Amino acid sequence: MSQDNLIKMECTVCHRINYHTYKNKKVLKNKIEAKKHCKWCKKHTLHKETK
C-alpha cells in the first residue's frame, strides 16, 4: 500500500488522532465516519477522516 491511501481518523469530541487506516480513493469519494473507541474519552465516539 502506498502512503497516498493512508488516512487519519480524528475523535469528534476531544479532536485527537487515534486511528490510521487505508481507503480506496477511487471507490470511496466521501469522508469516512465510524464509531470507534477513544482512549482519552474512555468511550465509543464518532471518528471522522482528516487530512
N, C-alpha and C. Protein backbone atom coordinates (compact mmCIF):
# COMPACT_ATOMS: atom_id res chain seq x y z
N MET A 1 0.84 -1.18 0.00
CA MET A 1 0.00 0.00 0.00
C MET A 1 0.89 1.25 0.00
N SER A 2 0.43 2.24 -0.72
CA SER A 2 1.19 3.49 -0.76
C SER A 2 0.69 4.44 0.32
N GLN A 3 1.46 5.46 0.57
CA GLN A 3 1.10 6.46 1.57
C GLN A 3 -0.08 7.32 1.10
N ASP A 4 -0.38 7.31 -0.20
CA ASP A 4 -1.50 8.09 -0.72
C ASP A 4 -2.83 7.59 -0.19
N ASN A 5 -2.93 6.30 0.11
CA ASN A 5 -4.18 5.70 0.57
C ASN A 5 -4.34 5.76 2.08
N LEU A 6 -3.32 6.20 2.80
CA LEU A 6 -3.36 6.25 4.26
C LEU A 6 -4.14 7.48 4.71
N ILE A 7 -5.09 7.28 5.65
CA ILE A 7 -5.89 8.38 6.19
C ILE A 7 -5.84 8.34 7.71
N LYS A 8 -6.12 9.48 8.34
CA LYS A 8 -6.15 9.59 9.80
C LYS A 8 -7.59 9.75 10.25
N MET A 9 -7.92 9.13 11.39
CA MET A 9 -9.25 9.24 11.98
C MET A 9 -9.13 10.07 13.26
N GLU A 10 -9.96 11.13 13.36
CA GLU A 10 -9.91 12.04 14.50
C GLU A 10 -11.20 11.95 15.31
N CYS A 11 -11.08 11.95 16.62
CA CYS A 11 -12.24 11.94 17.53
C CYS A 11 -12.95 13.28 17.42
N THR A 12 -14.28 13.25 17.33
CA THR A 12 -15.04 14.49 17.21
C THR A 12 -15.27 15.17 18.56
N VAL A 13 -14.99 14.47 19.66
CA VAL A 13 -15.19 15.04 20.99
C VAL A 13 -13.91 15.74 21.47
N CYS A 14 -12.78 15.03 21.50
CA CYS A 14 -11.54 15.60 22.02
C CYS A 14 -10.58 16.05 20.91
N HIS A 15 -10.89 15.75 19.66
CA HIS A 15 -10.12 16.17 18.48
C HIS A 15 -8.68 15.64 18.49
N ARG A 16 -8.51 14.42 18.94
CA ARG A 16 -7.21 13.76 18.88
C ARG A 16 -7.24 12.70 17.80
N ILE A 17 -6.09 12.50 17.16
CA ILE A 17 -5.98 11.49 16.11
C ILE A 17 -5.65 10.16 16.78
N ASN A 18 -6.58 9.20 16.68
CA ASN A 18 -6.44 7.92 17.37
C ASN A 18 -6.15 6.77 16.43
N TYR A 19 -6.60 6.83 15.19
CA TYR A 19 -6.50 5.69 14.29
C TYR A 19 -5.94 6.12 12.94
N HIS A 20 -5.22 5.20 12.30
CA HIS A 20 -4.77 5.34 10.92
C HIS A 20 -5.31 4.14 10.16
N THR A 21 -5.82 4.37 8.96
CA THR A 21 -6.39 3.30 8.17
C THR A 21 -6.18 3.60 6.69
N TYR A 22 -6.55 2.65 5.84
CA TYR A 22 -6.42 2.82 4.40
C TYR A 22 -7.78 3.02 3.78
N LYS A 23 -7.80 3.73 2.64
CA LYS A 23 -9.04 3.99 1.94
C LYS A 23 -8.77 3.94 0.44
N ASN A 24 -9.64 3.27 -0.29
CA ASN A 24 -9.57 3.25 -1.75
C ASN A 24 -10.25 4.52 -2.25
N LYS A 25 -9.45 5.49 -2.69
CA LYS A 25 -9.99 6.79 -3.07
C LYS A 25 -10.71 6.77 -4.41
N LYS A 26 -10.50 5.72 -5.21
CA LYS A 26 -11.22 5.60 -6.48
C LYS A 26 -12.67 5.17 -6.24
N VAL A 27 -12.90 4.37 -5.20
CA VAL A 27 -14.24 3.85 -4.92
C VAL A 27 -14.99 4.76 -3.94
N LEU A 28 -14.33 5.16 -2.85
CA LEU A 28 -14.96 5.97 -1.81
C LEU A 28 -14.59 7.43 -2.00
N LYS A 29 -15.55 8.25 -2.41
CA LYS A 29 -15.30 9.67 -2.65
C LYS A 29 -15.55 10.51 -1.41
N ASN A 30 -16.48 10.10 -0.55
CA ASN A 30 -16.83 10.86 0.65
C ASN A 30 -15.88 10.53 1.79
N LYS A 31 -15.89 11.39 2.83
CA LYS A 31 -15.06 11.15 4.00
C LYS A 31 -15.67 10.04 4.85
N ILE A 32 -14.82 9.25 5.48
CA ILE A 32 -15.26 8.11 6.29
C ILE A 32 -15.62 8.60 7.69
N GLU A 33 -16.72 8.07 8.23
CA GLU A 33 -17.14 8.30 9.61
C GLU A 33 -17.41 6.95 10.25
N ALA A 34 -16.91 6.74 11.47
CA ALA A 34 -17.13 5.47 12.15
C ALA A 34 -17.11 5.71 13.66
N LYS A 35 -17.89 4.90 14.39
CA LYS A 35 -17.86 4.95 15.84
C LYS A 35 -16.75 4.02 16.31
N LYS A 36 -15.75 4.60 16.97
CA LYS A 36 -14.61 3.84 17.47
C LYS A 36 -14.34 4.25 18.91
N HIS A 37 -13.53 3.45 19.60
CA HIS A 37 -13.22 3.73 21.00
C HIS A 37 -12.08 4.74 21.08
N CYS A 38 -12.29 5.79 21.87
CA CYS A 38 -11.27 6.81 22.13
C CYS A 38 -10.68 6.55 23.51
N LYS A 39 -9.36 6.36 23.58
CA LYS A 39 -8.76 6.04 24.87
C LYS A 39 -8.65 7.26 25.78
N TRP A 40 -8.78 8.48 25.24
CA TRP A 40 -8.76 9.67 26.08
C TRP A 40 -10.15 9.98 26.62
N CYS A 41 -11.18 9.79 25.81
CA CYS A 41 -12.56 10.00 26.27
C CYS A 41 -13.08 8.80 27.07
N LYS A 42 -12.45 7.64 26.87
CA LYS A 42 -12.81 6.37 27.53
C LYS A 42 -14.23 5.92 27.19
N LYS A 43 -14.64 6.14 25.92
CA LYS A 43 -15.94 5.67 25.44
C LYS A 43 -15.92 5.64 23.92
N HIS A 44 -16.96 5.04 23.33
CA HIS A 44 -17.09 5.00 21.89
C HIS A 44 -17.64 6.34 21.40
N THR A 45 -16.90 6.97 20.50
CA THR A 45 -17.30 8.25 19.94
C THR A 45 -17.19 8.21 18.43
N LEU A 46 -17.76 9.19 17.77
CA LEU A 46 -17.69 9.28 16.33
C LEU A 46 -16.31 9.79 15.92
N HIS A 47 -15.68 9.07 14.99
CA HIS A 47 -14.38 9.46 14.46
C HIS A 47 -14.55 9.79 12.98
N LYS A 48 -13.97 10.91 12.54
CA LYS A 48 -14.07 11.34 11.16
C LYS A 48 -12.69 11.38 10.52
N GLU A 49 -12.68 11.24 9.21
CA GLU A 49 -11.45 11.31 8.45
C GLU A 49 -10.91 12.74 8.41
N THR A 50 -9.59 12.89 8.59
CA THR A 50 -8.95 14.19 8.50
C THR A 50 -7.91 14.16 7.40
N LYS A 51 -7.25 15.27 7.18
CA LYS A 51 -6.21 15.36 6.15
C LYS A 51 -4.93 14.70 6.60
